[in-house]
Structure formats: C-alpha cells, structure tokens
Amino acid sequence: MTEHAHERQNDRADGAADVSTGSTKEKAEAAVPAIPELVIISGMSGAGRSTAAKCLEDLGWFVVDNLPPELIPTMVELGARSQGNVARIAVVVDVRGRRFFDNLRQSLADLEAKHVTRRIVFLESSDDALVRRFESVRRPHPLQGDGRIVDGIAAERDLLRELRGDADLVIDTSSLNVHELRAKMDAQFAGDEEPELRATVMSFGFKYGLPVDADLVVDCRFLPNPHWVPELRPFTGLNEEVSDYVFDQPGAKEFLNQYTELLQLIAAGYRREGKRYVTIAVGCTGGKHRSVAMSEKLSARLATEGIETVLVHRDMGRE
C-alpha cells in the first residue's frame, strides 16, 4: 500500500471516529432520564389516605399503595427509566407496613441526595372523627392490638409525629366528606403547572377549637366584636357593613398591612426551603364576623403578591 493510500485510510478512520464520538455524546445526552415528580401520602388511618390516592390516580399519577419505604428510591429510578411514561408517582405509606416504617427517614435522605423533588401530604383527623369512622365500618385500628380504638390512634399519632412535622401539606379531614377531600386534592394538584406557593387562608372561631392543619395562627379578637352591634349581629364578615365596621376600628388596617408584609417575608423563606403549601388561620371568637372580614382582605392581598390562595370559612354559619 502506498504512503498516500495509508494517509487516505487514516483520514477515513479519523473521520469515522469523530462521527462516532459525536453520535455517542448526543445519544448520551438524549438518554439522560427525567426524574419523575414524587408525592408521599401518609397520615392517620381512617383520615382519607385512600381517597387522596384515588384522586391523584384520576389526575394521571402512577399510584402505589402501601409500598415499603425502602423501595421508594427504587420506584423513582424505575419511573426515570420509563422514557417519560411515568412522570408523576404517588406512594402511600402507612402503619400497615410498620416494620418497614423506620426505613422511611433513610429513604427520604437518599432521595434528597439524588436531588429528587418530593412532597409529603399528611392526612389528619380528630380522635372523635376517627373513632366514629372505625366504629361505622366495625373494623379495628391497625395498632390497637388487644386495646381500644383510642389506644391504637394514640400509638399511631406518636409513630407519625415526626413525619407530620416534615409534611409539605397537612389536610384535616375531621369535618370533610369524600367529595370535599377530593376537591381539596384537586385544588392542590390539578393543572399542568405547579405555582411557586399555594396558601389556604382559613377563618375560624376559637370557641370551636384551633385548626389542626394550620401552619400560622393569628388572633383578631383585639378588634371590637360586631356581635355586640344589634344591627350587625345577624350578618357575617362577607357583608359590606360588617367589613367596613371591622376595618374602621383602630389598628385593623395597620394589622392587615403589617401582617401581609410579614407573610411576604415568610413566603420568601418557604420558597427557598421548597415548601409549596401554607395554611394561615385567622381567628375570632365565633368565626363569623372579624375573622371572616380579615380573611377576605388578607386573601386578596396575597393574591396580588402572586400567591395562589384558597379561602375557607370553617365556622361561618355554625352558630
């Protein structure tokens, strides 16, 4: 073979190598798996975990019930290999798998190390509501053993206390029916794009108890009560005359302005920490006048700040 022939052969080999290298690089970039979204559903037995899971399933999520916690990272890896067919995964974790439950903390740490975005939804309910639900279906609590239903509930609360503290979204289902719970889940997860932060502003009456799912609680009882104004008593904070009365009181407008500023500071911190949901509870004595009027204004203010807001009047009409 001549010297020129050797050169031509080498040129062809070098060119082939260049093409092959570039093609391999492109294929490698195209083969990078997309990590699916992950939601972990947990909470008290009887609080509506199955309903929440079915709602996500209806919204197109791939739902796995009672998955051992140590298998959650494996499930996420399988979803990443699905070439986009499994883009959103919801996993239900509960005390039925209690021998695996201690592994949940390690699994969450593994997910964080792999930069997997995960959210925890915790379903909460009062002891009275849970007892009624278990008695209505005549089933024992998974942890009651030889004791009573309330013993099982107490044991479960103790077991789940740390997880509840880490939850991104806590939903109290004590007074919710199945349709209302589904509506709450739809409000949080429906739609193609997730907002930066979602807030639930909830008015309530202190005499009916604190909302157990509140992240922040503020008290409006420093303002005069419209209940003691005969012509205003029959109305609620939704009524213009009642709202005007509340915000004509010394300190009302200043409170609204300064609390909104404080919430802007808190919201910025929540965003930095990756927290997407916050429940702000605004209370007065009966949850009818002052807290309702203040919640209406506060919700509108937050909306103007780019925070998607859901407004709930928990106790209005209860008296």
Foldseek 3Di string as FASTA:
>chain_A
DDPVVVVVVVVVVVVVVVVVVVVVVVVVVVQQFDQAEEEEEEAFVPLQSVLLQVLVVVLPAAEDEQDQLVCVVVVRVVLRNPRPNHRHYYYYHYCVNVVRVVCNVVSVVVCVVVVHHYAYEYRYEDPVLSLVRCVVVVHAQPQQVPHHNSNSRVVRCVVCVVVVVVHLFYDYCHPPDSVRVSVVSCVQPPDDDHFLAAEEEEEFAPVVPDDPRAPAEDEPQVFDDCCPVVVPNVAFQVDPVLLVNRCVTPPRVVCLVVVLVVVVVVSVVCSVVSRHYHYYYYYYHGLGGNRVSSSVVNQVSVVVVVHHYHYYSPRHPVD
